[in-house]
């Protein structure tokens, strides 16, 4: 009987022999060093493909103390904007030669801490996160002091040392509120978000600033906190209709909140855009397809990803990045507002 053939494991020495280069040259190519020519890289990569060599990055990361993996913690992947944001981050991380490990923290601080603890065991290169409500400054600063780069996106952890990449929330809600005021509206509400997240306060500040500048009595401009989902939008709008019958327009914390608010108005047979104007915040793909199409503040998720990766690149190169990076927003005027 013929003995079964045992496939011998391909080593870095086999790759070097096939490519006609030294082992150290192969190592330089595998670690993306800029010390080899393009011609040499092509020879080594061709040899790797031919032989089927698999680079053990886990072992390499233990030697170098840094992997190519970036932990990306998104607060709520059921939110469509979070999915857009994750795609933008993935694209730009790939261009940096990094591999994102995407995790849903589910707005849970303890889950966020447990996840980061596990990611550190894998020697991740950095953590990019949208901080869960209640994230403590000391916890973030301890991570950074240990040598782990941390970048916050979309939300801030007050007074932490982590660089933060944010949309210009105050400008966005200020523009949205001014748009309603310029149409002659004075009974305007702010709907959605909760006080334990930083972007709620920023968007609310933009709303209040516009109201104050227009000399409108803040007492006739209610603020309704609500979870950042459709149900929060529905229930919040129902409260507004019950307690503020003179309501003319609503600036919503997010598009998803606006979707729920519009559903509530339609159930009450109130014409959106005519009787009550609605403005969202995000500009999700579905927002322009609604009936009526949603007026909203656009946040470019790809630009957030690009700027975040610029900050990461600066950190990995030993450069001090800006503490706060603001990404511009703009108002998309459509039929609802």
Protein backbone atom coordinates (compact mmCIF):
# COMPACT_ATOMS: atom_id res chain seq x y z
CA UNK A 1 0.00 0.00 0.00
CA UNK A 2 1.27 3.44 -0.89
CA UNK A 3 1.93 5.73 2.07
CA UNK A 4 -0.28 8.87 2.06
CA UNK A 5 1.57 11.93 0.88
CA UNK A 6 2.19 14.46 3.61
CA UNK A 7 2.39 18.04 2.37
CA UNK A 8 5.41 19.75 3.83
CA UNK A 9 4.82 23.19 5.32
CA UNK A 10 6.13 26.01 3.14
CA UNK A 11 8.60 28.23 4.99
CA UNK A 12 10.03 31.68 4.48
CA UNK A 13 13.26 29.98 3.30
CA UNK A 14 11.33 28.28 0.49
CA UNK A 15 9.92 31.66 -0.58
CA UNK A 16 13.41 33.19 -0.53
CA UNK A 17 14.82 30.36 -2.66
CA UNK A 18 11.98 30.58 -5.19
CA UNK A 19 12.30 34.37 -5.49
CA UNK A 20 16.10 34.29 -5.58
CA UNK A 21 16.45 36.67 -2.65
CA UNK A 22 17.53 36.47 0.99
CA UNK A 23 15.29 35.55 3.91
CA UNK A 24 15.64 39.08 5.30
CA UNK A 25 14.40 40.52 2.01
CA UNK A 26 11.30 38.32 2.19
CA UNK A 27 10.74 39.51 5.77
CA UNK A 28 10.95 43.13 4.64
CA UNK A 29 8.31 42.52 1.97
CA UNK A 30 6.04 40.69 4.41
CA UNK A 31 6.21 43.58 6.88
CA UNK A 32 5.46 46.18 4.18
CA UNK A 33 8.86 47.81 4.53
CA UNK A 34 9.75 50.58 2.09
CA UNK A 35 13.35 49.32 1.96
CA UNK A 36 12.72 47.01 -1.01
CA UNK A 37 12.15 47.93 -4.65
CA UNK A 38 8.85 47.36 -6.42
CA UNK A 39 10.56 44.78 -8.64
CA UNK A 40 11.75 42.80 -5.63
CA UNK A 41 8.32 43.00 -3.99
CA UNK A 42 6.70 41.60 -7.14
CA UNK A 43 9.21 38.71 -7.24
CA UNK A 44 8.58 37.82 -3.60
CA UNK A 45 4.79 38.12 -3.85
CA UNK A 46 4.81 35.98 -7.00
CA UNK A 47 6.80 33.31 -5.15
CA UNK A 48 4.35 33.45 -2.23
CA UNK A 49 1.41 32.95 -4.60
CA UNK A 50 3.13 30.09 -6.43
CA UNK A 51 4.11 28.21 -3.28
CA UNK A 52 0.98 29.01 -1.26
CA UNK A 53 2.96 30.40 1.65
CA UNK A 54 0.86 31.76 4.54
CA UNK A 55 2.41 34.46 6.70
CA UNK A 56 1.80 33.89 10.43
CA UNK A 57 0.91 37.43 11.46
CA UNK A 58 -0.02 36.37 15.01
CA UNK A 59 3.54 35.22 15.62
CA UNK A 60 4.93 38.29 13.91
CA UNK A 61 2.80 40.60 16.01
CA UNK A 62 4.14 39.00 19.17
CA UNK A 63 7.65 39.78 17.94
CA UNK A 64 6.89 43.32 16.85
CA UNK A 65 4.37 44.06 19.63
CA UNK A 66 2.02 45.48 17.03
CA UNK A 67 -0.42 43.82 14.65
CA UNK A 68 -2.18 45.26 11.63
CA UNK A 69 -5.57 44.84 13.32
CA UNK A 70 -7.54 47.89 14.43
CA UNK A 71 -10.44 47.36 16.81
CA UNK A 72 -13.45 49.35 15.59
CA UNK A 73 -16.19 49.63 18.22
CA UNK A 74 -19.46 50.98 16.86
CA UNK A 75 -22.11 51.95 19.39
CA UNK A 76 -25.14 50.58 17.50
CA UNK A 77 -24.79 48.64 14.26
CA UNK A 78 -28.57 48.43 13.89
CA UNK A 79 -28.50 52.16 13.12
CA UNK A 80 -28.13 52.65 9.34
CA UNK A 81 -25.71 55.55 9.76
CA UNK A 82 -23.43 53.37 11.88
CA UNK A 83 -23.28 50.89 8.99
CA UNK A 84 -22.33 53.70 6.58
CA UNK A 85 -19.67 54.83 9.03
CA UNK A 86 -18.24 51.31 9.35
CA UNK A 87 -17.96 51.02 5.56
CA UNK A 88 -16.14 54.35 5.35
CA UNK A 89 -13.71 53.35 8.08
CA UNK A 90 -13.05 49.95 6.50
CA UNK A 91 -12.21 51.52 3.15
CA UNK A 92 -9.67 53.95 4.53
CA UNK A 93 -8.15 51.49 7.01
CA UNK A 94 -7.58 49.11 4.10
CA UNK A 95 -5.71 51.87 2.28
CA UNK A 96 -3.45 52.18 5.33
CA UNK A 97 -2.76 48.45 5.16
CA UNK A 98 -4.76 47.85 8.35
CA UNK A 99 -7.47 45.28 9.01
CA UNK A 100 -10.54 46.45 10.97
CA UNK A 101 -12.12 44.15 13.53
CA UNK A 102 -15.68 45.49 13.72
CA UNK A 103 -17.60 45.05 16.98
CA UNK A 104 -20.98 46.31 18.15
CA UNK A 105 -20.77 47.72 21.68
CA UNK A 106 -24.57 48.03 21.84
CA UNK A 107 -24.36 51.33 23.78
CA UNK A 108 -23.06 49.33 26.74
CA UNK A 109 -20.01 50.65 28.58
CA UNK A 110 -19.23 47.37 30.35
CA UNK A 111 -19.41 45.48 27.07
CA UNK A 112 -17.12 48.09 25.54
CA UNK A 113 -14.55 47.64 28.33
CA UNK A 114 -14.68 43.83 28.08
CA UNK A 115 -14.20 44.01 24.31
CA UNK A 116 -11.20 46.32 24.56
CA UNK A 117 -9.63 44.05 27.17
CA UNK A 118 -9.88 41.12 24.77
CA UNK A 119 -8.60 43.14 21.82
CA UNK A 120 -5.50 44.11 23.79
CA UNK A 121 -4.65 40.42 24.16
CA UNK A 122 -4.33 40.32 20.36
CA UNK A 123 -1.90 43.24 20.30
CA UNK A 124 -4.20 45.40 18.19
CA UNK A 125 -2.54 48.42 16.64
CA UNK A 126 -5.24 50.83 17.84
CA UNK A 127 -8.82 51.25 19.00
CA UNK A 128 -11.32 53.41 17.12
CA UNK A 129 -14.60 53.75 18.96
CA UNK A 130 -17.82 55.63 19.22
CA UNK A 131 -17.90 55.78 23.04
CA UNK A 132 -20.82 54.17 24.81
CA UNK A 133 -22.80 56.35 27.24
CA UNK A 134 -21.02 56.62 30.56
CA UNK A 135 -17.52 56.04 29.17
CA UNK A 136 -15.10 57.30 31.84
CA UNK A 137 -12.27 59.68 31.10
CA UNK A 138 -9.86 57.79 33.40
CA UNK A 139 -10.47 54.52 31.54
CA UNK A 140 -9.67 56.08 28.17
CA UNK A 141 -6.58 57.84 29.50
CA UNK A 142 -5.28 54.62 31.10
CA UNK A 143 -5.50 52.87 27.73
CA UNK A 144 -3.52 55.65 26.08
CA UNK A 145 -0.93 55.69 28.90
CA UNK A 146 -0.39 51.94 28.36
CA UNK A 147 0.69 52.67 24.78
CA UNK A 148 -2.57 51.74 23.02
CA UNK A 149 -3.71 54.46 20.59
CA UNK A 150 -7.39 55.35 21.06
CA UNK A 151 -9.41 57.55 18.72
CA UNK A 152 -12.97 58.58 19.51
CA UNK A 153 -15.38 59.20 16.66
CA UNK A 154 -18.81 60.90 16.52
CA UNK A 155 -18.78 61.46 20.31
CA UNK A 156 -16.35 62.89 22.84
CA UNK A 157 -15.29 61.61 26.22
CA UNK A 158 -15.01 64.92 28.12
CA UNK A 159 -11.44 66.01 28.93
CA UNK A 160 -9.89 62.71 27.83
CA UNK A 161 -6.54 62.57 26.02
CA UNK A 162 -7.98 60.69 23.06
CA UNK A 163 -8.11 62.61 19.77
CA UNK A 164 -11.68 62.89 18.54
CA UNK A 165 -13.15 63.11 15.04
CA UNK A 166 -16.60 64.70 14.98
CA UNK A 167 -19.13 66.13 12.58
CA UNK A 168 -19.81 69.82 13.21
CA UNK A 169 -22.94 69.05 15.22
CA UNK A 170 -23.63 72.58 16.42
CA UNK A 171 -23.34 74.04 12.94
CA UNK A 172 -25.69 71.38 11.56
CA UNK A 173 -28.51 71.89 14.05
CA UNK A 174 -28.02 75.67 13.87
CA UNK A 175 -28.47 75.57 10.08
CA UNK A 176 -31.51 73.31 10.40
CA UNK A 177 -33.18 75.55 12.99
CA UNK A 178 -32.42 78.71 11.01
CA UNK A 179 -33.97 77.10 7.94
CA UNK A 180 -37.26 76.72 9.81
CA UNK A 181 -37.05 80.20 11.36
CA UNK A 182 -36.43 81.76 7.94
CA UNK A 183 -39.75 80.28 6.80
CA UNK A 184 -41.51 82.21 9.56
CA UNK A 185 -41.80 79.40 12.10
CA UNK A 186 -41.53 80.16 15.81
CA UNK A 187 -43.03 77.10 17.51
CA UNK A 188 -40.13 74.73 16.91
CA UNK A 189 -39.11 71.66 18.90
CA UNK A 190 -35.94 69.61 19.25
CA UNK A 191 -36.61 65.87 19.34
CA UNK A 192 -34.40 62.90 20.21
CA UNK A 193 -31.15 61.94 21.87
CA UNK A 194 -30.34 61.67 25.56
CA UNK A 195 -28.20 63.79 27.85
CA UNK A 196 -25.62 61.04 28.48
CA UNK A 197 -24.12 61.39 24.97
CA UNK A 198 -22.04 64.37 23.87
CA UNK A 199 -23.58 64.81 20.41
CA UNK A 200 -26.99 65.42 22.00
CA UNK A 201 -25.62 68.45 23.85
CA UNK A 202 -23.82 69.77 20.76
CA UNK A 203 -26.86 69.52 18.52
CA UNK A 204 -29.09 70.97 21.21
CA UNK A 205 -26.67 73.90 21.64
CA UNK A 206 -26.91 74.68 17.92
CA UNK A 207 -30.70 74.62 18.19
CA UNK A 208 -30.76 76.92 21.22
CA UNK A 209 -28.25 79.34 19.68
CA UNK A 210 -30.41 79.78 16.58
CA UNK A 211 -33.54 80.29 18.71
CA UNK A 212 -31.78 82.90 20.85
CA UNK A 213 -30.35 84.79 17.86
CA UNK A 214 -33.85 85.02 16.38
CA UNK A 215 -35.22 86.43 19.68
CA UNK A 216 -37.70 83.57 19.96
CA UNK A 217 -38.95 82.66 23.43
CA UNK A 218 -37.24 79.38 24.35
CA UNK A 219 -40.34 78.49 26.37
CA UNK A 220 -42.28 77.89 23.16
CA UNK A 221 -39.53 75.62 21.79
CA UNK A 222 -39.72 72.32 23.73
CA UNK A 223 -36.91 69.75 23.94
CA UNK A 224 -37.95 66.10 24.05
CA UNK A 225 -35.31 63.50 24.89
CA UNK A 226 -35.85 60.07 23.36
CA UNK A 227 -33.90 56.91 22.48
CA UNK A 228 -32.21 57.21 19.09
CA UNK A 229 -34.47 54.78 17.25
CA UNK A 230 -37.77 54.90 15.33
CA UNK A 231 -39.81 54.09 18.41
CA UNK A 232 -38.16 56.99 20.24
CA UNK A 233 -39.17 59.26 17.36
CA UNK A 234 -42.76 58.00 17.36
CA UNK A 235 -43.23 58.33 21.10
CA UNK A 236 -41.49 61.71 21.24
CA UNK A 237 -43.66 63.12 18.47
CA UNK A 238 -46.79 61.81 20.19
CA UNK A 239 -45.77 63.74 23.31
CA UNK A 240 -45.21 66.88 21.28
CA UNK A 241 -48.62 66.61 19.60
CA UNK A 242 -50.29 66.08 22.96
CA UNK A 243 -48.64 68.93 24.86
CA UNK A 244 -47.76 71.44 22.11
CA UNK A 245 -50.72 71.80 19.72
CA UNK A 246 -49.20 74.94 18.14
CA UNK A 247 -46.14 73.00 16.93
CA UNK A 248 -44.92 74.10 13.48
CA UNK A 249 -41.58 72.39 12.99
CA UNK A 250 -39.21 69.83 14.51
CA UNK A 251 -35.43 69.52 14.36
CA UNK A 252 -34.68 65.83 14.98
CA UNK A 253 -31.51 64.43 16.53
CA UNK A 254 -31.14 61.95 13.67
CA UNK A 255 -32.81 60.72 10.49
CA UNK A 256 -33.99 57.58 12.28
CA UNK A 257 -35.71 59.74 14.91
CA UNK A 258 -37.26 61.74 12.06
CA UNK A 259 -38.57 58.55 10.43
CA UNK A 260 -40.43 57.67 13.63
CA UNK A 261 -41.73 61.23 13.99
CA UNK A 262 -43.07 61.20 10.44
CA UNK A 263 -44.81 57.87 11.05
CA UNK A 264 -46.53 59.41 14.07
CA UNK A 265 -47.64 62.46 12.07
CA UNK A 266 -49.03 60.30 9.27
CA UNK A 267 -50.93 58.18 11.80
CA UNK A 268 -52.43 61.42 13.13
CA UNK A 269 -53.24 62.47 9.55
CA UNK A 270 -51.00 65.54 9.79
CA UNK A 271 -49.36 66.63 6.55
CA UNK A 272 -45.57 66.49 6.80
CA UNK A 273 -43.94 69.53 5.24
CA UNK A 274 -47.18 71.52 5.15
CA UNK A 275 -48.71 71.46 8.62
CA UNK A 276 -45.53 70.44 10.46
CA UNK A 277 -42.05 70.57 8.99
CA UNK A 278 -39.47 67.92 9.89
CA UNK A 279 -35.67 68.02 9.61
CA UNK A 280 -33.36 65.08 10.30
CA UNK A 281 -29.63 64.70 10.89
CA UNK A 282 -27.33 62.23 9.01
CA UNK A 283 -28.72 62.06 5.44
CA UNK A 284 -29.18 58.31 5.24
CA UNK A 285 -29.57 56.76 1.81
CA UNK A 286 -33.33 56.28 2.31
CA UNK A 287 -33.95 59.88 3.36
CA UNK A 288 -34.10 61.26 -0.17
CA UNK A 289 -36.43 58.43 -1.23
CA UNK A 290 -39.12 59.00 1.40
CA UNK A 291 -42.47 60.59 0.69
CA UNK A 292 -42.06 63.42 1.36
CA UNK A 293 -38.29 63.40 0.95
CA UNK A 294 -36.57 64.27 4.23
CA UNK A 295 -34.78 67.58 4.72
CA UNK A 296 -31.68 66.69 6.72
CA UNK A 297 -28.17 67.68 7.79
CA UNK A 298 -25.70 65.60 5.81
CA UNK A 299 -22.72 63.99 7.54
CA UNK A 300 -20.27 62.47 5.07
CA UNK A 301 -19.47 59.07 6.62
CA UNK A 302 -16.64 58.49 4.18
CA UNK A 303 -15.03 61.79 5.18
CA UNK A 304 -15.31 60.81 8.86
CA UNK A 305 -13.49 57.57 7.99
CA UNK A 306 -10.84 59.41 5.98
CA UNK A 307 -10.10 61.97 8.67
CA UNK A 308 -10.04 59.27 11.37
CA UNK A 309 -7.44 57.31 9.43
CA UNK A 310 -5.37 60.46 8.95
CA UNK A 311 -5.30 60.85 12.73
CA UNK A 312 -4.38 57.16 13.15
CA UNK A 313 -1.57 57.49 10.61
CA UNK A 314 -0.13 60.47 12.49
CA UNK A 315 -0.22 58.55 15.79
CA UNK A 316 1.49 55.48 14.31
CA UNK A 317 4.19 57.73 12.83
CA UNK A 318 4.83 59.30 16.23
CA UNK A 319 3.24 62.65 15.39
CA UNK A 320 0.83 64.39 17.75
CA UNK A 321 -2.55 64.70 15.98
CA UNK A 322 -5.14 67.45 16.63
CA UNK A 323 -7.11 66.93 19.83
CA UNK A 324 -10.36 67.65 18.00
CA UNK A 325 -11.08 67.28 14.29
CA UNK A 326 -14.36 68.73 13.01
CA UNK A 327 -15.82 67.44 9.74
CA UNK A 328 -18.06 69.90 7.93
CA UNK A 329 -21.80 69.26 7.45
CA UNK A 330 -24.39 70.77 5.14
CA UNK A 331 -28.16 71.06 5.00
CA UNK A 332 -30.00 69.12 2.28
CA UNK A 333 -33.32 70.88 1.74
CA UNK A 334 -36.16 68.62 0.56
CA UNK A 335 -39.95 68.47 0.80
CA UNK A 336 -40.35 67.61 4.52
CA UNK A 337 -38.89 70.88 5.72
